PDB file of N, CA and C in Angstrom:
ATOM      1  N   MET A   1      86.084 137.474  63.019  1.00  0.00           N
ATOM      2  CA  MET A   1      85.960 136.098  63.469  1.00  0.00           C
ATOM      3  C   MET A   1      86.467 135.168  62.371  1.00  0.00           C
ATOM      4  N   ILE A   2      87.325 134.247  62.722  1.00  0.00           N
ATOM      5  CA  ILE A   2      87.875 133.291  61.771  1.00  0.00           C
ATOM      6  C   ILE A   2      87.025 132.034  61.830  1.00  0.00           C
ATOM      7  N   SER A   3      86.569 131.600  60.656  1.00  0.00           N
ATOM      8  CA  SER A   3      85.743 130.397  60.625  1.00  0.00           C
ATOM      9  C   SER A   3      86.620 129.170  60.421  1.00  0.00           C
ATOM     10  N   ALA A   4      86.088 128.033  60.807  1.00  0.00           N
ATOM     11  CA  ALA A   4      86.808 126.773  60.652  1.00  0.00           C
ATOM     12  C   ALA A   4      86.892 126.420  59.173  1.00  0.00           C
ATOM     13  N   PRO A   5      87.909 125.672  58.781  1.00  0.00           N
ATOM     14  CA  PRO A   5      88.023 125.257  57.381  1.00  0.00           C
ATOM     15  C   PRO A   5      86.828 124.410  56.969  1.00  0.00           C
ATOM     16  N   PHE A   6      86.531 124.457  55.703  1.00  0.00           N
ATOM     17  CA  PHE A   6      85.426 123.682  55.147  1.00  0.00           C
ATOM     18  C   PHE A   6      85.853 122.227  55.058  1.00  0.00           C
ATOM     19  N   SER A   7      85.124 121.329  55.679  1.00  0.00           N
ATOM     20  CA  SER A   7      85.504 119.919  55.700  1.00  0.00           C
ATOM     21  C   SER A   7      84.822 119.154  54.561  1.00  0.00           C
ATOM     22  N   PRO A   8      85.376 117.993  54.192  1.00  0.00           N
ATOM     23  CA  PRO A   8      84.730 117.173  53.166  1.00  0.00           C
ATOM     24  C   PRO A   8      83.300 116.796  53.544  1.00  0.00           C
ATOM     25  N   GLY A   9      83.047 116.575  54.840  1.00  0.00           N
ATOM     26  CA  GLY A   9      81.684 116.245  55.279  1.00  0.00           C
ATOM     27  C   GLY A   9      80.717 117.382  55.028  1.00  0.00           C
ATOM     28  N   GLN A  10      81.165 118.606  55.278  1.00  0.00           N
ATOM     29  CA  GLN A  10      80.323 119.773  55.005  1.00  0.00           C
ATOM     30  C   GLN A  10      80.094 119.917  53.510  1.00  0.00           C
ATOM     31  N   ALA A  11      81.121 119.651  52.724  1.00  0.00           N
ATOM     32  CA  ALA A  11      80.983 119.735  51.266  1.00  0.00           C
ATOM     33  C   ALA A  11      79.964 118.723  50.770  1.00  0.00           C
ATOM     34  N   LEU A  12      80.018 117.514  51.327  1.00  0.00           N
ATOM     35  CA  LEU A  12      79.048 116.487  50.929  1.00  0.00           C
ATOM     36  C   LEU A  12      77.624 116.899  51.267  1.00  0.00           C
ATOM     37  N   THR A  13      77.436 117.445  52.455  1.00  0.00           N
ATOM     38  CA  THR A  13      76.105 117.871  52.885  1.00  0.00           C
ATOM     39  C   THR A  13      75.574 118.988  51.987  1.00  0.00           C
ATOM     40  N   THR A  14      76.415 119.962  51.711  1.00  0.00           N
ATOM     41  CA  THR A  14      76.009 121.079  50.864  1.00  0.00           C
ATOM     42  C   THR A  14      75.714 120.610  49.439  1.00  0.00           C
ATOM     43  N   ALA A  15      76.575 119.747  48.900  1.00  0.00           N
ATOM     44  CA  ALA A  15      76.389 119.257  47.535  1.00  0.00           C
ATOM     45  C   ALA A  15      75.147 118.385  47.421  1.00  0.00           C
ATOM     46  N   LEU A  16      74.862 117.604  48.451  1.00  0.00           N
ATOM     47  CA  LEU A  16      73.655 116.779  48.435  1.00  0.00           C
ATOM     48  C   LEU A  16      72.410 117.654  48.365  1.00  0.00           C
ATOM     49  N   GLY A  17      72.412 118.745  49.131  1.00  0.00           N
ATOM     50  CA  GLY A  17      71.287 119.686  49.071  1.00  0.00           C
ATOM     51  C   GLY A  17      71.151 120.293  47.683  1.00  0.00           C
ATOM     52  N   GLY A  18      72.275 120.647  47.069  1.00  0.00           N
ATOM     53  CA  GLY A  18      72.251 121.193  45.711  1.00  0.00           C
ATOM     54  C   GLY A  18      71.777 120.172  44.699  1.00  0.00           C
ATOM     55  N   LEU A  19      72.191 118.927  44.883  1.00  0.00           N
ATOM     56  CA  LEU A  19      71.766 117.848  43.999  1.00  0.00           C
ATOM     57  C   LEU A  19      70.255 117.641  44.087  1.00  0.00           C
ATOM     58  N   GLN A  20      69.742 117.631  45.299  1.00  0.00           N
ATOM     59  CA  GLN A  20      68.294 117.475  45.491  1.00  0.00           C
ATOM     60  C   GLN A  20      67.533 118.650  44.880  1.00  0.00           C
ATOM     61  N   SER A  21      68.076 119.839  45.008  1.00  0.00           N
ATOM     62  CA  SER A  21      67.450 121.021  44.424  1.00  0.00           C
ATOM     63  C   SER A  21      67.417 120.921  42.902  1.00  0.00           C
ATOM     64  N   GLY A  22      68.505 120.463  42.314  1.00  0.00           N
ATOM     65  CA  GLY A  22      68.563 120.308  40.858  1.00  0.00           C
ATOM     66  C   GLY A  22      67.572 119.283  40.341  1.00  0.00           C
ATOM     67  N   VAL A  23      67.456 118.165  41.065  1.00  0.00           N
ATOM     68  CA  VAL A  23      66.503 117.124  40.664  1.00  0.00           C
ATOM     69  C   VAL A  23      65.070 117.655  40.785  1.00  0.00           C
ATOM     70  N   ALA A  24      64.786 118.396  41.843  1.00  0.00           N
ATOM     71  CA  ALA A  24      63.443 118.969  42.008  1.00  0.00           C
ATOM     72  C   ALA A  24      63.139 119.955  40.882  1.00  0.00           C
ATOM     73  N   GLN A  25      64.133 120.762  40.502  1.00  0.00           N
ATOM     74  CA  GLN A  25      63.942 121.712  39.401  1.00  0.00           C
ATOM     75  C   GLN A  25      63.688 120.969  38.097  1.00  0.00           C
ATOM     76  N   LEU A  26      64.411 119.885  37.873  1.00  0.00           N
ATOM     77  CA  LEU A  26      64.206 119.091  36.658  1.00  0.00           C
ATOM     78  C   LEU A  26      62.816 118.466  36.656  1.00  0.00           C
ATOM     79  N   ASN A  27      62.362 117.985  37.808  1.00  0.00           N
ATOM     80  CA  ASN A  27      61.012 117.416  37.907  1.00  0.00           C
ATOM     81  C   ASN A  27      59.943 118.459  37.591  1.00  0.00           C
ATOM     82  N   ARG A  28      60.127 119.695  38.087  1.00  0.00           N
ATOM     83  CA  ARG A  28      59.157 120.758  37.795  1.00  0.00           C
ATOM     84  C   ARG A  28      59.128 121.067  36.300  1.00  0.00           C
ATOM     85  N   ALA A  29      60.294 121.116  35.680  1.00  0.00           N
ATOM     86  CA  ALA A  29      60.355 121.389  34.239  1.00  0.00           C
ATOM     87  C   ALA A  29      59.688 120.260  33.462  1.00  0.00           C
ATOM     88  N   ALA A  30      59.922 119.013  33.884  1.00  0.00           N
ATOM     89  CA  ALA A  30      59.305 117.866  33.212  1.00  0.00           C
ATOM     90  C   ALA A  30      57.789 117.885  33.357  1.00  0.00           C
ATOM     91  N   GLU A  31      57.309 118.253  34.531  1.00  0.00           N
ATOM     92  CA  GLU A  31      55.861 118.342  34.743  1.00  0.00           C
ATOM     93  C   GLU A  31      55.247 119.417  33.849  1.00  0.00           C
ATOM     94  N   THR A  32      55.949 120.526  33.697  1.00  0.00           N
ATOM     95  CA  THR A  32      55.458 121.604  32.839  1.00  0.00           C
ATOM     96  C   THR A  32      55.337 121.129  31.397  1.00  0.00           C
ATOM     97  N   VAL A  33      56.352 120.424  30.922  1.00  0.00           N
ATOM     98  CA  VAL A  33      56.316 119.904  29.550  1.00  0.00           C
ATOM     99  C   VAL A  33      55.228 118.845  29.422  1.00  0.00           C
ATOM    100  N   ALA A  34      55.078 117.985  30.428  1.00  0.00           N
ATOM    101  CA  ALA A  34      54.082 116.912  30.385  1.00  0.00           C
ATOM    102  C   ALA A  34      52.653 117.443  30.332  1.00  0.00           C
ATOM    103  N   THR A  35      52.422 118.650  30.876  1.00  0.00           N
ATOM    104  CA  THR A  35      51.078 119.212  30.846  1.00  0.00           C
ATOM    105  C   THR A  35      50.794 119.936  29.536  1.00  0.00           C
ATOM    106  N   GLY A  36      51.752 119.871  28.611  1.00  0.00           N
ATOM    107  CA  GLY A  36      51.546 120.469  27.297  1.00  0.00           C
ATOM    108  C   GLY A  36      52.017 121.904  27.177  1.00  0.00           C
ATOM    109  N   LYS A  37      52.627 122.445  28.193  1.00  0.00           N
ATOM    110  CA  LYS A  37      53.112 123.825  28.164  1.00  0.00           C
ATOM    111  C   LYS A  37      54.553 123.856  27.640  1.00  0.00           C
ATOM    112  N   VAL A  38      54.686 123.425  26.396  1.00  0.00           N
ATOM    113  CA  VAL A  38      56.009 123.371  25.787  1.00  0.00           C
ATOM    114  C   VAL A  38      56.413 124.777  25.368  1.00  0.00           C
ATOM    115  N   GLY A  39      57.622 125.135  25.677  1.00  0.00           N
ATOM    116  CA  GLY A  39      58.144 126.441  25.322  1.00  0.00           C
ATOM    117  C   GLY A  39      59.610 126.520  25.691  1.00  0.00           C
ATOM    118  N   VAL A  40      60.136 127.692  25.596  1.00  0.00           N
ATOM    119  CA  VAL A  40      61.552 127.892  25.879  1.00  0.00           C
ATOM    120  C   VAL A  40      61.839 127.791  27.380  1.00  0.00           C
ATOM    121  N   GLU A  41      60.968 128.335  28.192  1.00  0.00           N
ATOM    122  CA  GLU A  41      61.205 128.394  29.639  1.00  0.00           C
ATOM    123  C   GLU A  41      61.443 127.028  30.279  1.00  0.00           C
ATOM    124  N   PRO A  42      60.580 126.014  30.041  1.00  0.00           N
ATOM    125  CA  PRO A  42      60.840 124.712  30.659  1.00  0.00           C
ATOM    126  C   PRO A  42      62.134 124.071  30.158  1.00  0.00           C
ATOM    127  N   MET A  43      62.476 124.328  28.907  1.00  0.00           N
ATOM    128  CA  MET A  43      63.711 123.767  28.366  1.00  0.00           C
ATOM    129  C   MET A  43      64.931 124.410  29.020  1.00  0.00           C
ATOM    130  N   ILE A  44      64.875 125.709  29.247  1.00  0.00           N
ATOM    131  CA  ILE A  44      65.963 126.404  29.931  1.00  0.00           C
ATOM    132  C   ILE A  44      66.069 125.902  31.364  1.00  0.00           C
ATOM    133  N   ASP A  45      64.925 125.745  32.024  1.00  0.00           N
ATOM    134  CA  ASP A  45      64.919 125.224  33.395  1.00  0.00           C
ATOM    135  C   ASP A  45      65.554 123.835  33.455  1.00  0.00           C
ATOM    136  N   ALA A  46      65.245 122.994  32.465  1.00  0.00           N
ATOM    137  CA  ALA A  46      65.802 121.639  32.426  1.00  0.00           C
ATOM    138  C   ALA A  46      67.318 121.688  32.229  1.00  0.00           C
ATOM    139  N   MET A  47      67.793 122.580  31.370  1.00  0.00           N
ATOM    140  CA  MET A  47      69.235 122.692  31.138  1.00  0.00           C
ATOM    141  C   MET A  47      69.960 123.225  32.369  1.00  0.00           C
ATOM    142  N   VAL A  48      69.351 124.191  33.048  1.00  0.00           N
ATOM    143  CA  VAL A  48      69.946 124.719  34.283  1.00  0.00           C
ATOM    144  C   VAL A  48      69.983 123.615  35.345  1.00  0.00           C
ATOM    145  N   ALA A  49      68.911 122.851  35.447  1.00  0.00           N
ATOM    146  CA  ALA A  49      68.857 121.748  36.418  1.00  0.00           C
ATOM    147  C   ALA A  49      69.929 120.712  36.104  1.00  0.00           C
ATOM    148  N   GLU A  50      70.128 120.430  34.825  1.00  0.00           N
ATOM    149  CA  GLU A  50      71.155 119.465  34.426  1.00  0.00           C
ATOM    150  C   GLU A  50      72.539 119.932  34.885  1.00  0.00           C
ATOM    151  N   GLN A  51      72.827 121.210  34.697  1.00  0.00           N
ATOM    152  CA  GLN A  51      74.116 121.749  35.125  1.00  0.00           C
ATOM    153  C   GLN A  51      74.239 121.761  36.650  1.00  0.00           C
ATOM    154  N   THR A  52      73.146 122.059  37.327  1.00  0.00           N
ATOM    155  CA  THR A  52      73.146 122.053  38.794  1.00  0.00           C
ATOM    156  C   THR A  52      73.486 120.671  39.320  1.00  0.00           C
ATOM    157  N   VAL A  53      72.846 119.651  38.757  1.00  0.00           N
ATOM    158  CA  VAL A  53      73.102 118.273  39.180  1.00  0.00           C
ATOM    159  C   VAL A  53      74.552 117.885  38.865  1.00  0.00           C
ATOM    160  N   ALA A  54      75.017 118.211  37.672  1.00  0.00           N
ATOM    161  CA  ALA A  54      76.381 117.850  37.268  1.00  0.00           C
ATOM    162  C   ALA A  54      77.431 118.502  38.166  1.00  0.00           C
ATOM    163  N   GLN A  55      77.247 119.776  38.475  1.00  0.00           N
ATOM    164  CA  GLN A  55      78.236 120.476  39.297  1.00  0.00           C
ATOM    165  C   GLN A  55      78.238 119.964  40.737  1.00  0.00           C
ATOM    166  N   ASN A  56      77.070 119.681  41.271  1.00  0.00           N
ATOM    167  CA  ASN A  56      77.015 119.154  42.636  1.00  0.00           C
ATOM    168  C   ASN A  56      77.545 117.722  42.694  1.00  0.00           C
ATOM    169  N   ALA A  57      77.337 116.945  41.645  1.00  0.00           N
ATOM    170  CA  ALA A  57      77.919 115.600  41.587  1.00  0.00           C
ATOM    171  C   ALA A  57      79.448 115.691  41.561  1.00  0.00           C
ATOM    172  N   ALA A  58      79.983 116.690  40.865  1.00  0.00           N
ATOM    173  CA  ALA A  58      81.433 116.887  40.840  1.00  0.00           C
ATOM    174  C   ALA A  58      81.961 117.230  42.231  1.00  0.00           C
ATOM    175  N   VAL A  59      81.225 118.036  42.967  1.00  0.00           N
ATOM    176  CA  VAL A  59      81.632 118.373  44.340  1.00  0.00           C
ATOM    177  C   VAL A  59      81.622 117.113  45.209  1.00  0.00           C
ATOM    178  N   ILE A  60      80.614 116.276  45.038  1.00  0.00           N
ATOM    179  CA  ILE A  60      80.524 115.042  45.811  1.00  0.00           C
ATOM    180  C   ILE A  60      81.710 114.131  45.494  1.00  0.00           C
ATOM    181  N   ARG A  61      82.052 113.999  44.211  1.00  0.00           N
ATOM    182  CA  ARG A  61      83.209 113.185  43.833  1.00  0.00           C
ATOM    183  C   ARG A  61      84.491 113.724  44.469  1.00  0.00           C
ATOM    184  N   THR A  62      84.674 115.036  44.403  1.00  0.00           N
ATOM    185  CA  THR A  62      85.878 115.651  44.958  1.00  0.00           C
ATOM    186  C   THR A  62      85.944 115.468  46.473  1.00  0.00           C
ATOM    187  N   ALA A  63      84.828 115.666  47.156  1.00  0.00           N
ATOM    188  CA  ALA A  63      84.799 115.488  48.614  1.00  0.00           C
ATOM    189  C   ALA A  63      85.100 114.036  48.979  1.00  0.00           C
ATOM    190  N   ASP A  64      84.583 113.112  48.184  1.00  0.00           N
ATOM    191  CA  ASP A  64      84.851 111.696  48.421  1.00  0.00           C
ATOM    192  C   ASP A  64      86.343 111.406  48.263  1.00  0.00           C
ATOM    193  N   GLU A  65      86.953 111.967  47.232  1.00  0.00           N
ATOM    194  CA  GLU A  65      88.391 111.796  47.025  1.00  0.00           C
ATOM    195  C   GLU A  65      89.189 112.411  48.177  1.00  0.00           C
ATOM    196  N   MET A  66      88.741 113.576  48.642  1.00  0.00           N
ATOM    197  CA  MET A  66      89.426 114.225  49.768  1.00  0.00           C
ATOM    198  C   MET A  66      89.363 113.353  51.023  1.00  0.00           C
ATOM    199  N   GLN A  67      88.199 112.793  51.286  1.00  0.00           N
ATOM    200  CA  GLN A  67      88.060 111.931  52.465  1.00  0.00           C
ATOM    201  C   GLN A  67      88.949 110.704  52.328  1.00  0.00           C
ATOM    202  N   GLY A  68      89.019 110.134  51.128  1.00  0.00           N
ATOM    203  CA  GLY A  68      89.883 108.983  50.898  1.00  0.00           C
ATOM    204  C   GLY A  68      91.343 109.328  51.137  1.00  0.00           C
ATOM    205  N   THR A  69      91.749 110.512  50.672  1.00  0.00           N
ATOM    206  CA  THR A  69      93.120 110.958  50.870  1.00  0.00           C
ATOM    207  C   THR A  69      93.409 111.162  52.352  1.00  0.00           C
ATOM    208  N   LEU A  70      92.475 111.774  53.055  1.00  0.00           N
ATOM    209  CA  LEU A  70      92.660 111.981  54.495  1.00  0.00           C
ATOM    210  C   LEU A  70      92.771 110.653  55.234  1.00  0.00           C
ATOM    211  N   LEU A  71      91.957 109.684  54.843  1.00  0.00           N
ATOM    212  CA  LEU A  71      92.039 108.368  55.481  1.00  0.00           C
ATOM    213  C   LEU A  71      93.368 107.693  55.177  1.00  0.00           C
ATOM    214  N   ASP A  72      93.842 107.839  53.935  1.00  0.00           N
ATOM    215  CA  ASP A  72      95.138 107.264  53.570  1.00  0.00           C
ATOM    216  C   ASP A  72      96.266 107.876  54.415  1.00  0.00           C
ATOM    217  N   ILE A  73      96.170 109.170  54.653  1.00  0.00           N
ATOM    218  CA  ILE A  73      97.194 109.861  55.443  1.00  0.00           C
ATOM    219  C   ILE A  73      97.158 109.398  56.898  1.00  0.00           C
ATOM    220  N   LEU A  74      95.957 109.187  57.418  1.00  0.00           N
ATOM    221  CA  LEU A  74      95.818 108.793  58.814  1.00  0.00           C
ATOM    222  C   LEU A  74      96.169 107.340  59.074  1.00  0.00           C
ATOM    223  N   VAL A  75      96.086 106.508  58.065  1.00  0.00           N
ATOM    224  CA  VAL A  75      96.331 105.070  58.265  1.00  0.00           C
ATOM    225  C   VAL A  75      97.748 104.711  58.066  1.00  0.00           C
TER     226      VAL A  75
END
């Protein structure tokens, strides 16, 4: 079965979910540190969350550029 091409709208939806997941992970790590459970694990979680947010933000930027290009082509 051949699937349809991935559209910028689908990319935005997927990246938004990833962005929300990264922010939630960062919030959990911050709560852990705030309760006094300082250690390596919460810091690693925070760094992973930072990368998750950054990468999903990059996908959102790219999808936005793709949509702009498609609109330019259609107009």
